């Protein structure tokens, strides 16, 4: 009864394939209660600030991001409008991009900063810049600012990758540990990547 009527057929088929149908009701109830319990766990969302001086902890955004990136085990996907050479993100991303087990993908704006320089500084990473749409005349803007780590942890932030954003500005990010959210962001960007972005290399 808890399952939407339109999805009950699929749910019934899944239960049957796991041998948890009408013939094994007790075990089916345990599994379904476990699923319901897992889905009821509150998603953890933490604010992450950057503020000048000592207000709110100077550089919290920078230090938090670098720590998480350096502990990545499988993947780092990040997107920013402007990736400047003053950013502390160069070192953290370069370090993890040279780890064979971790894939690093970076999306940047075609006109803010240099995507070619980003690619040159991050050997081993896949770097993409925005492209022009047919009839639009110029590259679309990449204002999405996020980092997804291990398809599990998401940082959505107002900050660009620059010294001022990491140390001097008032910036706010939300750090969310949610696999479904992380995977949906990664899937969305992959689905539209061919249309909106082009890959660049150090010598493009």
C-alpha atoms as a PDB file:
ATOM      1  CA  UNK A   1       0.000   0.000   0.000  1.00  0.00           C
ATOM      2  CA  UNK A   2       2.955   2.333   0.535  1.00  0.00           C
ATOM      3  CA  UNK A   3       4.052   1.902  -3.085  1.00  0.00           C
ATOM      4  CA  UNK A   4       2.451   4.105  -5.724  1.00  0.00           C
ATOM      5  CA  UNK A   5      -0.094   2.092  -7.740  1.00  0.00           C
ATOM      6  CA  UNK A   6       1.768   2.731 -10.989  1.00  0.00           C
ATOM      7  CA  UNK A   7       4.931   1.199  -9.540  1.00  0.00           C
ATOM      8  CA  UNK A   8       3.479  -1.832  -7.789  1.00  0.00           C
ATOM      9  CA  UNK A   9       3.968  -4.130 -10.770  1.00  0.00           C
ATOM     10  CA  UNK A  10       7.657  -3.302 -10.957  1.00  0.00           C
ATOM     11  CA  UNK A  11       8.019  -3.643  -7.178  1.00  0.00           C
ATOM     12  CA  UNK A  12       6.291  -7.024  -7.265  1.00  0.00           C
ATOM     13  CA  UNK A  13       8.632  -8.212 -10.036  1.00  0.00           C
ATOM     14  CA  UNK A  14      11.701  -7.075  -8.091  1.00  0.00           C
ATOM     15  CA  UNK A  15      10.526  -8.892  -4.982  1.00  0.00           C
ATOM     16  CA  UNK A  16       9.874 -12.053  -6.978  1.00  0.00           C
ATOM     17  CA  UNK A  17      13.331 -11.938  -8.604  1.00  0.00           C
ATOM     18  CA  UNK A  18      14.864 -11.755  -5.125  1.00  0.00           C
ATOM     19  CA  UNK A  19      12.644 -14.647  -3.946  1.00  0.00           C
ATOM     20  CA  UNK A  20      10.858 -12.304  -1.579  1.00  0.00           C
ATOM     21  CA  UNK A  21       7.323 -12.579  -2.887  1.00  0.00           C
ATOM     22  CA  UNK A  22       4.162 -14.045  -1.374  1.00  0.00           C
ATOM     23  CA  UNK A  23       5.996 -17.260  -0.522  1.00  0.00           C
ATOM     24  CA  UNK A  24       8.417 -15.522   1.814  1.00  0.00           C
ATOM     25  CA  UNK A  25       6.455 -12.727   3.422  1.00  0.00           C
ATOM     26  CA  UNK A  26       8.449 -12.516   6.657  1.00  0.00           C
ATOM     27  CA  UNK A  27      11.747 -11.908   4.859  1.00  0.00           C
ATOM     28  CA  UNK A  28      10.091  -9.524   2.398  1.00  0.00           C
ATOM     29  CA  UNK A  29       8.781  -7.417   5.282  1.00  0.00           C
ATOM     30  CA  UNK A  30      12.277  -7.216   6.827  1.00  0.00           C
ATOM     31  CA  UNK A  31      13.818  -6.096   3.541  1.00  0.00           C
ATOM     32  CA  UNK A  32      11.119  -3.529   2.857  1.00  0.00           C
ATOM     33  CA  UNK A  33      11.379  -2.101   6.374  1.00  0.00           C
ATOM     34  CA  UNK A  34      15.156  -1.818   5.961  1.00  0.00           C
ATOM     35  CA  UNK A  35      14.680   0.068   2.691  1.00  0.00           C
ATOM     36  CA  UNK A  36      12.130   2.375   4.276  1.00  0.00           C
ATOM     37  CA  UNK A  37      14.470   3.025   7.192  1.00  0.00           C
ATOM     38  CA  UNK A  38      17.388   3.814   4.900  1.00  0.00           C
ATOM     39  CA  UNK A  39      15.287   6.245   2.891  1.00  0.00           C
ATOM     40  CA  UNK A  40      14.083   7.992   6.040  1.00  0.00           C
ATOM     41  CA  UNK A  41      17.610   8.930   7.152  1.00  0.00           C
ATOM     42  CA  UNK A  42      17.964  12.696   7.044  1.00  0.00           C
ATOM     43  CA  UNK A  43      20.385  13.982   4.444  1.00  0.00           C
ATOM     44  CA  UNK A  44      23.245  15.813   6.139  1.00  0.00           C
ATOM     45  CA  UNK A  45      23.647  19.387   4.880  1.00  0.00           C
ATOM     46  CA  UNK A  46      26.356  21.642   6.292  1.00  0.00           C
ATOM     47  CA  UNK A  47      26.978  25.310   5.460  1.00  0.00           C
ATOM     48  CA  UNK A  48      30.544  26.085   4.408  1.00  0.00           C
ATOM     49  CA  UNK A  49      31.592  29.737   4.619  1.00  0.00           C
ATOM     50  CA  UNK A  50      34.442  31.900   3.466  1.00  0.00           C
ATOM     51  CA  UNK A  51      34.696  35.250   5.245  1.00  0.00           C
ATOM     52  CA  UNK A  52      37.542  37.755   5.453  1.00  0.00           C
ATOM     53  CA  UNK A  53      39.314  38.223   8.748  1.00  0.00           C
ATOM     54  CA  UNK A  54      38.256  35.842  11.486  1.00  0.00           C
ATOM     55  CA  UNK A  55      34.519  36.114  10.878  1.00  0.00           C
ATOM     56  CA  UNK A  56      33.129  32.630  10.460  1.00  0.00           C
ATOM     57  CA  UNK A  57      36.573  31.065  10.114  1.00  0.00           C
ATOM     58  CA  UNK A  58      38.716  32.477   7.338  1.00  0.00           C
ATOM     59  CA  UNK A  59      39.298  30.119   4.438  1.00  0.00           C
ATOM     60  CA  UNK A  60      36.905  27.421   5.643  1.00  0.00           C
ATOM     61  CA  UNK A  61      35.606  26.879   2.123  1.00  0.00           C
ATOM     62  CA  UNK A  62      39.108  26.429   0.748  1.00  0.00           C
ATOM     63  CA  UNK A  63      40.395  24.123   3.451  1.00  0.00           C
ATOM     64  CA  UNK A  64      37.258  21.987   3.454  1.00  0.00           C
ATOM     65  CA  UNK A  65      37.303  21.515  -0.312  1.00  0.00           C
ATOM     66  CA  UNK A  66      40.999  20.697  -0.437  1.00  0.00           C
ATOM     67  CA  UNK A  67      40.688  18.126   2.329  1.00  0.00           C
ATOM     68  CA  UNK A  68      37.776  16.380   0.644  1.00  0.00           C
ATOM     69  CA  UNK A  69      39.444  16.369  -2.758  1.00  0.00           C
ATOM     70  CA  UNK A  70      42.663  14.923  -1.384  1.00  0.00           C
ATOM     71  CA  UNK A  71      40.706  12.079   0.215  1.00  0.00           C
ATOM     72  CA  UNK A  72      38.800  11.186  -2.979  1.00  0.00           C
ATOM     73  CA  UNK A  73      38.893   7.477  -3.748  1.00  0.00           C
ATOM     74  CA  UNK A  74      37.307   7.236  -7.199  1.00  0.00           C
ATOM     75  CA  UNK A  75      36.300  10.552  -8.773  1.00  0.00           C
ATOM     76  CA  UNK A  76      36.217  14.334  -8.555  1.00  0.00           C
ATOM     77  CA  UNK A  77      33.931  16.333 -10.837  1.00  0.00           C
ATOM     78  CA  UNK A  78      33.992  20.101 -10.493  1.00  0.00           C
ATOM     79  CA  UNK A  79      32.568  23.076 -12.298  1.00  0.00           C
ATOM     80  CA  UNK A  80      33.340  26.768 -11.934  1.00  0.00           C
ATOM     81  CA  UNK A  81      32.970  30.009 -13.807  1.00  0.00           C
ATOM     82  CA  UNK A  82      36.493  31.291 -13.290  1.00  0.00           C
ATOM     83  CA  UNK A  83      39.511  29.164 -12.393  1.00  0.00           C
ATOM     84  CA  UNK A  84      42.372  31.578 -11.655  1.00  0.00           C
ATOM     85  CA  UNK A  85      46.032  30.742 -11.130  1.00  0.00           C
ATOM     86  CA  UNK A  86      45.785  32.324  -7.670  1.00  0.00           C
ATOM     87  CA  UNK A  87      43.495  29.526  -6.465  1.00  0.00           C
ATOM     88  CA  UNK A  88      44.632  26.928  -3.960  1.00  0.00           C
ATOM     89  CA  UNK A  89      42.597  24.402  -5.950  1.00  0.00           C
ATOM     90  CA  UNK A  90      45.435  23.958  -8.466  1.00  0.00           C
ATOM     91  CA  UNK A  91      47.527  21.958  -6.023  1.00  0.00           C
ATOM     92  CA  UNK A  92      44.727  19.813  -4.618  1.00  0.00           C
ATOM     93  CA  UNK A  93      43.317  18.892  -8.032  1.00  0.00           C
ATOM     94  CA  UNK A  94      46.770  18.322  -9.551  1.00  0.00           C
ATOM     95  CA  UNK A  95      47.668  15.983  -6.716  1.00  0.00           C
ATOM     96  CA  UNK A  96      44.547  13.846  -6.990  1.00  0.00           C
ATOM     97  CA  UNK A  97      44.578  13.889 -10.834  1.00  0.00           C
ATOM     98  CA  UNK A  98      47.911  12.091 -10.703  1.00  0.00           C
ATOM     99  CA  UNK A  99      46.387   9.281  -8.642  1.00  0.00           C
ATOM    100  CA  UNK A 100      45.614   6.413 -11.066  1.00  0.00           C
ATOM    101  CA  UNK A 101      42.517   5.276  -9.186  1.00  0.00           C
ATOM    102  CA  UNK A 102      40.847   8.713  -9.231  1.00  0.00           C
ATOM    103  CA  UNK A 103      39.314  10.341 -12.313  1.00  0.00           C
ATOM    104  CA  UNK A 104      39.208  14.148 -12.316  1.00  0.00           C
ATOM    105  CA  UNK A 105      36.907  16.167 -14.563  1.00  0.00           C
ATOM    106  CA  UNK A 106      36.811  19.970 -14.633  1.00  0.00           C
ATOM    107  CA  UNK A 107      34.244  22.197 -16.368  1.00  0.00           C
ATOM    108  CA  UNK A 108      35.080  25.872 -16.900  1.00  0.00           C
ATOM    109  CA  UNK A 109      33.777  28.871 -18.774  1.00  0.00           C
ATOM    110  CA  UNK A 110      35.333  29.407 -22.206  1.00  0.00           C
ATOM    111  CA  UNK A 111      35.920  33.134 -21.695  1.00  0.00           C
ATOM    112  CA  UNK A 112      36.666  33.527 -17.969  1.00  0.00           C
ATOM    113  CA  UNK A 113      40.270  32.486 -17.450  1.00  0.00           C
ATOM    114  CA  UNK A 114      42.054  29.994 -19.682  1.00  0.00           C
ATOM    115  CA  UNK A 115      40.782  26.446 -20.056  1.00  0.00           C
ATOM    116  CA  UNK A 116      43.998  25.553 -21.883  1.00  0.00           C
ATOM    117  CA  UNK A 117      46.049  26.687 -18.881  1.00  0.00           C
ATOM    118  CA  UNK A 118      43.843  24.652 -16.558  1.00  0.00           C
ATOM    119  CA  UNK A 119      44.446  21.576 -18.716  1.00  0.00           C
ATOM    120  CA  UNK A 120      48.197  22.252 -18.752  1.00  0.00           C
ATOM    121  CA  UNK A 121      48.307  22.552 -14.966  1.00  0.00           C
ATOM    122  CA  UNK A 122      46.238  19.413 -14.363  1.00  0.00           C
ATOM    123  CA  UNK A 123      47.822  16.546 -16.320  1.00  0.00           C
ATOM    124  CA  UNK A 124      45.641  13.485 -16.032  1.00  0.00           C
ATOM    125  CA  UNK A 125      42.419  15.493 -15.674  1.00  0.00           C
ATOM    126  CA  UNK A 126      39.730  15.848 -18.324  1.00  0.00           C
ATOM    127  CA  UNK A 127      39.100  19.574 -18.814  1.00  0.00           C
ATOM    128  CA  UNK A 128      36.060  20.913 -20.671  1.00  0.00           C
ATOM    129  CA  UNK A 129      35.090  24.465 -21.634  1.00  0.00           C
ATOM    130  CA  UNK A 130      31.725  25.759 -22.769  1.00  0.00           C
ATOM    131  CA  UNK A 131      31.050  25.873 -26.500  1.00  0.00           C
ATOM    132  CA  UNK A 132      28.920  28.035 -28.775  1.00  0.00           C
ATOM    133  CA  UNK A 133      25.432  26.836 -29.597  1.00  0.00           C
ATOM    134  CA  UNK A 134      24.232  26.963 -33.215  1.00  0.00           C
ATOM    135  CA  UNK A 135      22.887  30.440 -33.942  1.00  0.00           C
ATOM    136  CA  UNK A 136      24.003  31.803 -30.568  1.00  0.00           C
ATOM    137  CA  UNK A 137      27.280  33.322 -31.735  1.00  0.00           C
ATOM    138  CA  UNK A 138      29.283  32.957 -28.536  1.00  0.00           C
ATOM    139  CA  UNK A 139      30.054  30.360 -25.917  1.00  0.00           C
ATOM    140  CA  UNK A 140      27.436  29.783 -23.250  1.00  0.00           C
ATOM    141  CA  UNK A 141      28.332  30.855 -19.706  1.00  0.00           C
ATOM    142  CA  UNK A 142      29.304  28.245 -17.141  1.00  0.00           C
ATOM    143  CA  UNK A 143      27.909  29.669 -13.902  1.00  0.00           C
ATOM    144  CA  UNK A 144      27.390  26.270 -12.263  1.00  0.00           C
ATOM    145  CA  UNK A 145      29.748  26.060  -9.281  1.00  0.00           C
ATOM    146  CA  UNK A 146      29.930  22.669  -7.647  1.00  0.00           C
ATOM    147  CA  UNK A 147      32.230  19.824  -6.713  1.00  0.00           C
ATOM    148  CA  UNK A 148      31.119  16.178  -6.606  1.00  0.00           C
ATOM    149  CA  UNK A 149      33.432  13.717  -4.859  1.00  0.00           C
ATOM    150  CA  UNK A 150      33.180   9.938  -5.209  1.00  0.00           C
ATOM    151  CA  UNK A 151      29.605  10.273  -6.533  1.00  0.00           C
ATOM    152  CA  UNK A 152      28.594  10.823  -2.922  1.00  0.00           C
ATOM    153  CA  UNK A 153      29.588  14.240  -1.579  1.00  0.00           C
ATOM    154  CA  UNK A 154      28.400  17.474  -3.195  1.00  0.00           C
ATOM    155  CA  UNK A 155      29.573  21.012  -2.513  1.00  0.00           C
ATOM    156  CA  UNK A 156      27.358  23.668  -4.102  1.00  0.00           C
ATOM    157  CA  UNK A 157      28.997  27.052  -3.728  1.00  0.00           C
ATOM    158  CA  UNK A 158      28.883  30.698  -4.699  1.00  0.00           C
ATOM    159  CA  UNK A 159      32.691  30.779  -4.897  1.00  0.00           C
ATOM    160  CA  UNK A 160      34.855  30.692  -7.999  1.00  0.00           C
ATOM    161  CA  UNK A 161      38.267  29.037  -7.842  1.00  0.00           C
ATOM    162  CA  UNK A 162      40.330  32.123  -6.986  1.00  0.00           C
ATOM    163  CA  UNK A 163      42.298  33.558  -4.079  1.00  0.00           C
ATOM    164  CA  UNK A 164      39.708  36.263  -3.438  1.00  0.00           C
ATOM    165  CA  UNK A 165      36.811  33.795  -3.399  1.00  0.00           C
ATOM    166  CA  UNK A 166      38.722  31.462  -1.114  1.00  0.00           C
ATOM    167  CA  UNK A 167      40.018  34.076   1.313  1.00  0.00           C
ATOM    168  CA  UNK A 168      38.645  37.602   0.930  1.00  0.00           C
ATOM    169  CA  UNK A 169      35.043  37.419  -0.255  1.00  0.00           C
ATOM    170  CA  UNK A 170      31.912  36.476   1.635  1.00  0.00           C
ATOM    171  CA  UNK A 171      31.009  33.127   0.066  1.00  0.00           C
ATOM    172  CA  UNK A 172      28.550  30.440   1.063  1.00  0.00           C
ATOM    173  CA  UNK A 173      28.501  26.810   0.083  1.00  0.00           C
ATOM    174  CA  UNK A 174      26.350  23.850   1.085  1.00  0.00           C
ATOM    175  CA  UNK A 175      28.081  20.540   1.634  1.00  0.00           C
ATOM    176  CA  UNK A 176      25.635  17.683   1.068  1.00  0.00           C
ATOM    177  CA  UNK A 177      26.305  13.993   1.544  1.00  0.00           C
ATOM    178  CA  UNK A 178      23.703  12.417  -0.697  1.00  0.00           C
ATOM    179  CA  UNK A 179      24.475   9.733  -3.283  1.00  0.00           C
ATOM    180  CA  UNK A 180      21.260  10.279  -5.247  1.00  0.00           C
ATOM    181  CA  UNK A 181      21.930  14.015  -5.564  1.00  0.00           C
ATOM    182  CA  UNK A 182      25.572  13.465  -6.522  1.00  0.00           C
ATOM    183  CA  UNK A 183      24.707  10.899  -9.168  1.00  0.00           C
ATOM    184  CA  UNK A 184      21.910  13.051 -10.621  1.00  0.00           C
ATOM    185  CA  UNK A 185      24.291  16.004 -11.035  1.00  0.00           C
ATOM    186  CA  UNK A 186      26.894  13.842 -12.720  1.00  0.00           C
ATOM    187  CA  UNK A 187      24.301  12.280 -15.017  1.00  0.00           C
ATOM    188  CA  UNK A 188      22.814  15.638 -15.994  1.00  0.00           C
ATOM    189  CA  UNK A 189      26.180  17.081 -16.980  1.00  0.00           C
ATOM    190  CA  UNK A 190      27.114  13.944 -18.913  1.00  0.00           C
ATOM    191  CA  UNK A 191      23.814  13.985 -20.789  1.00  0.00           C
ATOM    192  CA  UNK A 192      24.368  17.556 -21.997  1.00  0.00           C
ATOM    193  CA  UNK A 193      28.160  17.566 -22.267  1.00  0.00           C
ATOM    194  CA  UNK A 194      28.397  16.942 -25.999  1.00  0.00           C
ATOM    195  CA  UNK A 195      26.046  19.842 -26.692  1.00  0.00           C
ATOM    196  CA  UNK A 196      27.385  22.400 -24.200  1.00  0.00           C
ATOM    197  CA  UNK A 197      31.068  21.621 -23.727  1.00  0.00           C
ATOM    198  CA  UNK A 198      34.208  20.715 -25.647  1.00  0.00           C
ATOM    199  CA  UNK A 199      37.289  19.020 -24.268  1.00  0.00           C
ATOM    200  CA  UNK A 200      40.541  20.957 -24.303  1.00  0.00           C
ATOM    201  CA  UNK A 201      44.153  19.913 -23.982  1.00  0.00           C
ATOM    202  CA  UNK A 202      47.248  21.754 -22.894  1.00  0.00           C
ATOM    203  CA  UNK A 203      48.077  22.657 -26.502  1.00  0.00           C
ATOM    204  CA  UNK A 204      44.610  23.437 -27.926  1.00  0.00           C
END
